[in-house]
Protein backbone atom coordinates (compact mmCIF):
# COMPACT_ATOMS: atom_id res chain seq x y z
CA MET A 1 0.00 0.00 0.00
CA ALA A 2 2.23 2.79 -1.33
CA ILE A 3 1.86 6.27 0.16
CA ALA A 4 4.91 8.04 -1.26
CA ARG A 5 5.24 8.23 -5.05
CA HIS A 6 9.02 8.38 -5.35
CA ALA A 7 10.27 6.02 -2.64
CA THR A 8 9.15 3.20 -0.40
CA GLY A 9 9.35 2.51 3.29
CA PRO A 10 8.03 4.16 6.45
CA ARG A 11 10.47 7.07 6.34
CA ALA A 12 9.56 7.91 2.75
CA ASP A 13 5.87 7.73 3.62
CA LEU A 14 6.33 10.05 6.59
CA ARG A 15 8.28 12.54 4.48
CA ALA A 16 5.56 12.50 1.85
CA LEU A 17 2.86 13.07 4.46
CA ALA A 18 4.89 15.83 6.12
CA SER A 19 5.31 17.57 2.76
CA GLN A 20 1.65 18.56 2.95
CA VAL A 21 2.31 20.75 5.99
CA HIS A 22 2.94 24.16 4.40
CA PRO A 23 4.05 26.49 7.23
CA VAL A 24 3.17 29.70 5.38
CA PHE A 25 -0.51 28.78 5.43
CA MET A 26 -0.52 26.41 8.42
CA LEU A 27 0.90 28.67 11.11
CA PRO A 28 -1.63 31.57 10.92
CA PRO A 29 -4.70 29.43 11.81
CA LEU A 30 -2.82 27.89 14.73
CA ALA A 31 -1.70 31.31 15.92
CA ALA A 32 -5.23 32.65 15.43
CA SER A 33 -6.58 29.91 17.69
CA TRP A 34 -4.25 30.96 20.50
CA PHE A 35 -4.90 34.64 19.82
CA GLY A 36 -8.58 34.00 20.47
CA ALA A 37 -7.60 32.31 23.72
CA ILE A 38 -5.49 35.31 24.73
CA VAL A 39 -8.42 37.64 24.03
CA ALA A 40 -10.42 35.54 26.50
CA GLY A 41 -7.97 36.43 29.29
CA GLU A 42 -7.09 33.46 31.46
CA PHE A 43 -6.98 30.30 29.38
CA GLY A 44 -6.37 26.59 29.78
CA LEU A 45 -3.56 25.00 27.80
CA GLY A 46 -5.32 21.65 27.44
CA VAL A 47 -8.52 22.79 25.76
CA GLY A 48 -6.52 25.35 23.78
CA ALA A 49 -4.26 22.61 22.45
CA VAL A 50 -7.29 20.55 21.40
CA HIS A 51 -8.73 23.47 19.44
CA MET A 52 -5.35 24.19 17.86
CA ALA A 53 -5.08 20.53 16.83
CA ALA A 54 -8.50 20.78 15.21
CA MET A 55 -7.30 23.79 13.20
CA PHE A 56 -4.21 21.84 12.16
CA CYS A 57 -6.29 18.93 10.91
CA ALA A 58 -8.65 21.24 9.02
CA VAL A 59 -5.81 23.05 7.23
CA TYR A 60 -3.97 19.78 6.56
CA THR A 61 -7.15 18.47 4.95
CA ALA A 62 -7.21 21.52 2.69
CA HIS A 63 -3.57 21.08 1.67
CA VAL A 64 -3.93 17.39 0.85
CA LYS A 65 -7.21 17.83 -1.02
CA ASP A 66 -5.87 20.80 -2.98
CA GLY A 67 -2.76 18.91 -4.06
CA TYR A 68 -4.78 15.82 -4.95
CA VAL A 69 -7.22 17.77 -7.12
CA ASP A 70 -4.52 19.87 -8.79
CA PHE A 71 -2.35 16.88 -9.72
CA TYR A 72 -4.67 13.93 -10.19
CA GLY A 73 -7.80 15.80 -11.23
CA ARG A 74 -6.85 18.97 -13.06
CA GLY A 75 -3.31 18.15 -14.08
CA GLU A 76 -2.09 21.59 -13.00
CA ASP A 77 1.00 20.42 -11.10
CA ASP A 78 4.01 18.59 -12.49
CA ASP A 79 4.51 16.39 -9.46
CA HIS A 80 3.05 15.34 -6.15
CA PRO A 81 4.82 13.50 -3.32
CA LEU A 82 1.81 11.33 -2.43
CA THR A 83 0.20 8.58 -4.44
CA GLY A 84 -3.51 8.79 -5.08
CA ARG A 85 -4.09 6.24 -2.34
CA GLY A 86 -1.71 8.14 -0.08
CA CYS A 87 -3.76 11.30 -0.56
CA ARG A 88 -6.94 9.48 0.31
CA LEU A 89 -5.37 7.91 3.40
CA ALA A 90 -4.06 11.31 4.49
CA LEU A 91 -7.53 12.79 4.07
CA VAL A 92 -9.05 9.99 6.13
CA GLY A 93 -6.42 10.45 8.84
CA ALA A 94 -6.82 14.24 8.98
CA THR A 95 -10.60 13.93 9.06
CA ALA A 96 -10.42 11.34 11.84
CA GLY A 97 -8.10 13.60 13.81
CA PHE A 98 -10.42 16.55 13.33
CA ALA A 99 -13.43 14.47 14.40
CA ALA A 100 -11.60 13.36 17.55
CA CYS A 101 -10.76 16.98 18.41
CA VAL A 102 -14.33 18.11 17.83
CA LEU A 103 -15.69 15.32 20.02
CA ALA A 104 -13.21 16.29 22.73
CA LEU A 105 -14.34 19.92 22.51
CA GLY A 106 -17.93 18.75 22.86
CA VAL A 107 -17.02 16.93 26.06
CA LEU A 108 -14.63 19.54 27.49
CA VAL A 109 -16.64 22.62 26.49
CA ASP A 110 -20.10 22.32 24.92
CA THR A 111 -22.04 21.92 21.68
CA THR A 112 -21.51 25.54 20.66
CA ALA A 113 -17.75 24.96 20.57
CA VAL A 114 -18.39 22.09 18.17
CA LEU A 115 -20.64 24.21 15.95
CA ILE A 116 -18.07 27.02 15.73
CA THR A 117 -15.20 24.64 14.96
CA LEU A 118 -16.94 22.29 12.52
CA PRO A 119 -17.17 24.70 9.54
CA THR A 120 -13.38 24.97 9.34
CA TRP A 121 -13.12 21.37 8.12
CA PHE A 122 -15.77 21.92 5.46
CA ILE A 123 -13.93 25.01 4.24
CA GLY A 124 -10.73 22.99 3.97
CA PHE A 125 -12.24 19.92 2.35
CA LEU A 126 -14.36 21.85 -0.15
CA HIS A 127 -11.66 24.36 -1.08
CA ALA A 128 -10.84 22.34 -4.19
CA PRO A 129 -12.56 21.82 -6.51
CA GLN A 130 -15.77 23.41 -5.20
CA LEU A 131 -14.83 26.73 -3.57
CA ASP A 132 -11.75 27.70 -5.58
CA THR A 133 -13.66 28.19 -8.83
CA ASN A 134 -15.79 31.09 -7.59
CA PRO A 135 -14.23 34.54 -7.05
CA VAL A 136 -16.08 35.08 -3.77
CA THR A 137 -15.51 31.71 -2.14
CA THR A 138 -11.93 31.35 -3.37
CA THR A 139 -11.17 34.75 -1.82
CA LEU A 140 -13.04 34.36 1.46
CA GLY A 141 -12.34 30.70 2.23
CA TYR A 142 -9.00 31.03 4.03
CA PRO A 143 -9.82 34.38 5.73
CA THR A 144 -13.09 32.89 6.99
CA GLY A 145 -11.14 29.99 8.45
CA ILE A 146 -8.85 32.42 10.28
CA ALA A 147 -11.84 34.34 11.62
CA LEU A 148 -13.46 31.13 12.86
CA ALA A 149 -10.17 30.08 14.46
CA ILE A 150 -10.11 33.33 16.47
CA VAL A 151 -13.75 33.05 17.55
CA GLY A 152 -13.44 29.33 18.27
CA GLY A 153 -10.18 29.70 20.18
CA HIS A 154 -11.86 32.36 22.29
CA TYR A 155 -15.06 30.42 22.86
CA VAL A 156 -13.44 27.21 24.08
CA GLN A 157 -11.79 29.27 26.82
CA ALA A 158 -14.56 31.70 27.77
CA THR A 159 -17.64 29.66 26.73
CA ALA A 160 -18.96 32.92 25.30
CA VAL A 161 -18.54 34.93 22.12
CA SER A 162 -17.31 38.38 23.11
CA PRO A 163 -17.62 41.47 20.89
CA THR A 164 -13.84 41.88 21.07
CA ALA A 165 -13.19 38.42 19.62
CA VAL A 166 -15.78 38.97 16.88
CA GLY A 167 -14.28 42.39 16.16
CA PHE A 168 -10.77 40.99 15.72
CA ALA A 169 -12.17 38.15 13.60
CA LEU A 170 -13.86 40.63 11.27
CA VAL A 171 -10.67 42.68 11.01
CA PHE A 172 -8.71 39.64 9.87
CA LEU A 173 -11.51 38.46 7.58
CA VAL A 174 -11.52 41.75 5.67
CA THR A 175 -7.76 42.31 5.73
CA LEU A 176 -6.81 38.80 4.64
CA ALA A 177 -9.43 38.87 1.88
CA GLY A 178 -7.41 41.71 0.39
CA VAL A 179 -4.20 39.73 0.78
CA LYS A 180 -5.80 36.70 -0.88
CA ILE A 181 -6.76 38.76 -3.94
CA ILE A 182 -3.14 39.84 -4.37
CA ASP A 183 -2.00 36.24 -3.85
CA ASP A 184 -4.35 34.98 -6.57
CA GLU A 185 -3.11 37.69 -8.93
CA GLN A 186 0.17 35.78 -9.17
CA ASP A 187 -1.63 33.17 -11.28
CA TYR A 188 -3.50 35.69 -13.41
CA ASP A 189 -2.14 34.52 -16.78
CA TYR A 190 -2.61 30.85 -16.05
CA ASP A 191 -6.02 31.24 -14.40
CA ARG A 192 -7.24 33.31 -17.33
CA SER A 193 -6.01 30.67 -19.77
CA ILE A 194 -8.16 27.99 -18.09
CA SER A 195 -11.09 30.37 -17.35
CA LYS A 196 -10.64 30.08 -13.59
CA ALA A 197 -12.75 32.87 -12.11
CA THR A 198 -10.54 34.54 -9.52
CA VAL A 199 -11.12 38.18 -8.61
CA ALA A 200 -8.18 39.24 -10.77
CA VAL A 201 -9.58 37.38 -13.78
CA VAL A 202 -13.13 38.68 -13.29
CA LEU A 203 -12.27 42.32 -12.53
CA GLY A 204 -8.92 42.65 -14.25
CA ARG A 205 -5.61 43.24 -12.52
CA SER A 206 -5.95 46.96 -11.88
CA ARG A 207 -9.45 46.81 -10.39
CA ALA A 208 -8.58 43.70 -8.41
CA ARG A 209 -5.58 45.44 -6.84
CA THR A 210 -7.73 48.46 -6.02
CA LEU A 211 -10.29 46.22 -4.34
CA ALA A 212 -7.57 44.28 -2.52
CA PHE A 213 -5.90 47.29 -0.96
CA THR A 214 -9.28 48.88 -0.23
CA LEU A 215 -10.13 45.81 1.84
CA VAL A 216 -6.76 46.00 3.59
CA VAL A 217 -7.35 49.66 4.43
CA PHE A 218 -10.87 48.94 5.72
CA GLY A 219 -9.51 46.15 7.90
CA LEU A 220 -6.84 48.40 9.39
CA VAL A 221 -9.29 51.26 9.89
CA GLY A 222 -11.50 48.71 11.64
CA VAL A 223 -8.76 48.39 14.27
CA LEU A 224 -8.96 52.13 14.83
CA TRP A 225 -12.75 52.01 15.08
CA GLY A 226 -12.56 49.15 17.57
CA THR A 227 -9.95 50.94 19.66
CA LEU A 228 -11.74 54.29 19.83
CA SER A 229 -15.00 52.54 20.74
CA GLY A 230 -13.28 50.72 23.61
CA LEU A 231 -13.54 47.29 21.99
CA PHE A 232 -9.79 46.79 21.46
CA PRO A 233 -6.86 47.67 23.74
CA PRO A 234 -5.37 51.18 23.29
CA SER A 235 -2.15 49.93 21.67
CA SER A 236 -3.94 47.91 18.95
CA PRO A 237 -3.49 50.65 16.30
CA LEU A 238 0.26 50.05 16.50
CA GLY A 239 -0.34 46.72 14.78
CA ALA A 240 -2.45 48.40 12.12
CA LEU A 241 0.26 51.03 11.64
CA ALA A 242 2.96 48.39 11.20
CA PHE A 243 0.92 46.39 8.70
CA GLY A 244 -0.17 49.56 6.93
CA MET A 245 3.46 50.51 6.29
CA VAL A 246 4.14 47.06 4.88
CA ALA A 247 1.01 47.28 2.71
CA LEU A 248 2.13 50.65 1.37
CA VAL A 249 5.42 49.16 0.23
CA ALA A 250 3.66 46.07 -1.13
CA SER A 251 1.31 48.22 -3.19
CA ARG A 252 4.28 49.48 -5.18
CA GLY A 253 5.45 46.01 -6.16
CA GLY A 254 4.14 43.21 -8.32
CA PRO A 255 1.87 40.44 -7.06
CA THR A 256 4.71 38.08 -6.14
CA VAL A 257 6.60 40.62 -4.04
CA GLY A 258 3.34 42.06 -2.77
CA THR A 259 2.11 38.68 -1.56
CA MET A 260 5.41 37.94 0.15
CA LEU A 261 5.37 41.28 1.96
CA LEU A 262 1.69 41.14 2.89
CA ILE A 263 1.89 37.62 4.32
CA ARG A 264 4.87 38.54 6.45
CA GLY A 265 3.21 41.81 7.37
CA ALA A 266 0.18 39.86 8.56
CA TYR A 267 2.47 37.91 10.91
CA VAL A 268 3.73 41.20 12.35
CA PHE A 269 0.16 42.50 12.57
CA LEU A 270 -0.95 39.50 14.60
CA ALA A 271 2.16 39.57 16.79
CA VAL A 272 1.63 43.23 17.72
CA LEU A 273 -2.05 42.58 18.44
CA VAL A 274 -1.08 39.67 20.70
CA MET A 275 1.20 41.99 22.68
CA ALA A 276 -1.48 44.69 22.73
CA VAL A 277 -4.06 42.30 24.17
CA TRP A 278 -1.78 40.41 26.54
CA PHE A 279 0.33 43.25 27.98
CA GLU A 280 -1.87 46.30 27.23
CA PRO A 281 1.18 48.59 27.26
CA LEU A 282 -0.80 51.81 26.77
CA ALA A 283 -3.58 51.05 29.24
CA GLY A 284 -4.23 54.08 31.40
CA VAL A 285 -2.09 56.37 29.25
CA ALA A 286 -3.94 59.60 28.46
CA LEU A 287 -4.23 60.99 24.95
CA PRO A 288 -1.75 63.74 24.04
CA ASP A 289 -3.24 67.10 24.99
CA ILE A 290 -2.72 69.43 22.04
CA THR A 291 -4.63 72.20 23.80
CA VAL A 292 -1.24 73.28 25.16
CA PHE A 293 -1.22 75.57 22.10
CA GLY A 294 -4.05 77.47 23.73
CA SER A 295 -5.90 79.76 21.35
CA TYR A 296 -3.68 78.57 18.48
CA THR A 297 -4.72 74.90 18.84
CA TYR A 298 -7.15 74.86 15.91
CA LEU A 299 -4.68 76.75 13.72
CA ALA A 300 -1.86 74.35 14.63
CA THR A 301 -3.89 71.34 13.50
CA GLU A 302 -4.66 73.09 10.22
CA VAL A 303 -0.98 73.75 9.62
CA ALA A 304 -0.17 70.08 10.25
CA PHE A 305 -2.85 68.65 7.97
CA GLY A 306 -2.35 71.43 5.43
CA SER A 307 1.31 70.50 5.15
CA LEU A 308 0.33 66.90 4.47
CA ALA A 309 -2.16 68.03 1.81
CA LEU A 310 0.47 70.19 0.14
CA ALA A 311 3.01 67.36 0.12
CA LEU A 312 0.53 64.96 -1.50
CA LEU A 313 -0.48 67.46 -4.17
CA VAL A 314 3.15 68.21 -5.00
CA TYR A 315 3.87 64.46 -5.20
CA ALA A 316 0.97 63.99 -7.62
CA ASP A 317 1.81 67.18 -9.56
CA ALA A 318 -1.78 68.30 -9.02
CA LEU A 319 -1.51 71.71 -7.35
CA GLY A 320 -3.15 73.54 -10.24
CA ARG A 321 -6.06 71.13 -10.59
CA ALA A 322 -6.63 71.11 -6.84
CA ALA A 323 -6.59 74.92 -6.66
CA ARG A 324 -9.32 75.18 -9.29
CA THR A 325 -11.50 72.66 -7.48
CA ILE A 326 -11.00 74.35 -4.10
CA LEU A 327 -11.95 77.72 -5.59
CA ALA A 328 -15.13 76.19 -6.99
CA VAL A 329 -16.04 74.57 -3.67
CA TYR A 330 -15.11 77.52 -1.44
CA PRO A 331 -18.28 79.66 -1.90
CA ILE A 332 -20.55 76.73 -1.05
CA ALA A 333 -18.45 75.81 1.97
CA TYR A 334 -18.35 79.44 3.13
CA VAL A 335 -22.14 79.85 3.09
CA TRP A 336 -22.63 76.48 4.75
CA ASP A 337 -20.09 77.28 7.48
CA TRP A 338 -21.47 80.78 8.12
CA TYR A 339 -25.04 79.49 8.42
CA THR A 340 -24.26 76.60 10.78
CA LEU A 341 -22.25 78.92 13.04
CA GLU A 342 -24.96 81.58 12.92
CA VAL A 343 -27.75 79.24 14.04
CA GLY A 344 -25.57 77.62 16.71
CA VAL A 345 -25.02 74.16 15.24
CA PHE A 346 -21.48 74.17 16.64
CA ASP A 347 -19.03 76.47 18.39
CA ILE A 348 -15.25 76.80 18.15
CA THR A 349 -13.43 77.50 21.39
CA MET A 350 -9.70 76.84 20.84
CA ARG A 351 -9.18 79.58 18.24
CA THR A 352 -7.35 82.88 17.91
CA GLY A 353 -10.52 84.97 18.09
CA TYR A 354 -10.00 86.75 14.77
CA ASP A 355 -12.96 86.79 12.38
CA LEU A 356 -13.00 87.45 8.65
CA PHE A 357 -16.22 88.02 6.69
CA GLY A 358 -18.38 86.84 9.56
CA ILE A 359 -16.63 83.58 10.44
CA PRO A 360 -13.40 82.69 12.30
CA VAL A 361 -10.27 82.98 10.19
CA GLU A 362 -9.51 79.35 10.99
CA GLU A 363 -12.68 78.32 9.17
CA HIS A 364 -11.45 79.93 5.96
CA ILE A 365 -8.26 77.90 6.26
CA PHE A 366 -10.30 74.80 7.07
CA MET A 367 -12.22 75.19 3.81
CA ILE A 368 -8.92 75.09 1.94
CA VAL A 369 -7.15 72.38 3.93
CA VAL A 370 -9.91 69.75 3.98
CA PRO A 371 -10.67 69.64 0.25
CA GLY A 372 -6.95 70.00 -0.41
CA LEU A 373 -6.24 66.91 1.70
CA VAL A 374 -9.04 64.93 0.04
CA LEU A 375 -7.80 65.90 -3.41
CA GLY A 376 -4.21 65.20 -2.42
CA ILE A 377 -5.04 61.66 -1.35
CA HIS A 378 -7.13 61.11 -4.48
CA GLU A 379 -4.47 62.42 -6.85
CA ALA A 380 -1.66 60.54 -5.11
CA LEU A 381 -3.60 57.28 -5.36
CA ALA A 382 -4.39 57.97 -9.01
CA ALA A 383 -0.73 58.64 -9.77
CA HIS A 384 0.26 55.47 -7.95
CA SER A 385 -2.33 53.37 -9.82
CA LEU A 386 -1.16 54.78 -13.14
CA GLY A 387 2.38 53.74 -12.33
CA ASN A 388 1.22 50.22 -11.50
CA GLU A 389 -0.76 49.95 -14.74
CA ARG A 390 2.27 51.00 -16.77
CA ALA A 391 4.42 48.44 -14.97
CA GLU A 392 1.84 45.73 -15.59
CA GLY A 393 1.64 46.69 -19.24
CA THR A 394 5.39 46.23 -19.56
CA ALA A 395 5.24 42.80 -17.99
CA ASP A 396 1.98 41.73 -19.67
CA GLY A 397 2.15 38.29 -21.17
CA ALA A 398 5.22 37.26 -19.22
CA VAL A 399 4.82 34.02 -17.32
CA ASP A 400 7.10 33.38 -14.39
CA ARG A 401 7.59 30.54 -12.00
CA ARG A 402 5.75 31.31 -8.81
CA ASP A 403 6.14 29.53 -5.53
CA HIS A 404 3.28 30.35 -3.19
CA GLY A 405 4.89 28.56 -0.30
CA ASP A 406 2.31 25.78 -0.67
CA GLY A 407 4.66 23.32 -2.32
CA HIS A 408 2.99 23.57 -5.73
CA ASP A 409 4.53 24.92 -8.91
CA HIS A 410 2.12 27.38 -10.52
CA GLU A 411 3.95 28.07 -13.76
CA LYS A 412 1.92 27.72 -16.93
CA ARG A 413 3.45 24.99 -19.05
CA PRO A 414 2.49 22.65 -21.88
CA GLU A 415 0.01 20.03 -20.82
CA PRO A 416 1.81 16.74 -20.13
CA GLU A 417 0.25 13.58 -21.40
CA ARG A 418 -1.78 12.04 -18.61
CA THR A 419 -3.58 8.75 -18.81
CA ALA A 420 -5.40 6.59 -16.36
CA ASP A 421 -2.65 3.98 -16.78
CA SER A 422 0.00 6.36 -15.50
CA ALA A 423 -2.00 7.31 -12.41
CA PRO A 424 -0.95 5.36 -9.31
CA ASP A 425 -3.53 3.24 -7.53
CA GLY A 426 -5.85 3.50 -10.51
CA ALA A 427 -6.65 7.16 -9.76
CA GLU A 428 -8.23 8.57 -12.88
CA ARG A 429 -6.58 11.71 -14.22
CA GLN A 430 -8.86 13.96 -16.14
CA PRO A 431 -7.78 16.56 -18.68
CA ARG A 432 -8.10 20.19 -17.74
CA ASP A 433 -11.13 22.08 -18.89
């Protein structure tokens, strides 16, 4: 009963089985499980280890099934370390291990723990060939698994689903969905050639990248929302800041470099959040008090944000266009501002006290700075996107060898001759669509 394709014996079989453990994709769900436990506060190592083992079995199932389908079903990969029978045995073993963990959680915790954990196996088992042919499910499958790992890891410790755990789960769901879109873009040429409907194929590279980084930004802003609302610890935005800097660099590179940076940035993101939750380094630290500027406080903030707006407009070479737009908007903003102040909608206290044409002088500056900042961000993003499109146009049609860290070679190549006779264990190999 051969398990390994290229050698025989117990050691060869173990090596072949171990080859399906891909650390790049295996470690995050395990870490997410423990992160959920840390969010719960005090946690037990035993029940935490059981939940982590369940996550391992679910992801291992996904890796084995994906490799089996890609090699024996679709013929996308050149090689696979396991025989067809070896793949099936590995799937049976991983499923049995997952079932044992779920039963243990049912005994040690309750039925809800089972219900939260169970979907992770279905996501893994159905990833290929069911979920990975639809742009929505192929994008959200892995991020959903991470989100469930956080919620499940938390629940088995606290026997409750807290808003904080759900909040962090949603942050990772949205953020990693963006990362997954960039990851799938690596196979754009090949996926398009076989009509595989990833987000990049459906929307095109440029729109897919825009959607991807929009999701990343929303996920990171979600950390800020959660922190300011008291849901997350005060130091949580440090993780978002670190990942945001990595994402900014990644946005300037191609999909291969971008994926590499974003995956590693996600590790840093999670690590900083773990420290933020566990140690709460900024707990009890008051916000900086900028009112030390006294009556010049409002003006000082306008100078700071105005400088940023000016820098962005200079970077995008858009000062002239922005000036025309601001001039067009100014009369409307002036009337609106004057009226709301006149009827008492709001009041400004930390200001110099000088008025001009019936409103504080700071409000005139505000009506220049705010649209200038909005236009600066818009123009800078547009300039950045144009640069990416030009770079993609230069590289269009080139096919490179891409290693996703999952052990599979994703280079487009001529279709090798595959017959049922050459498939081990009688596994039928079907031609690609």
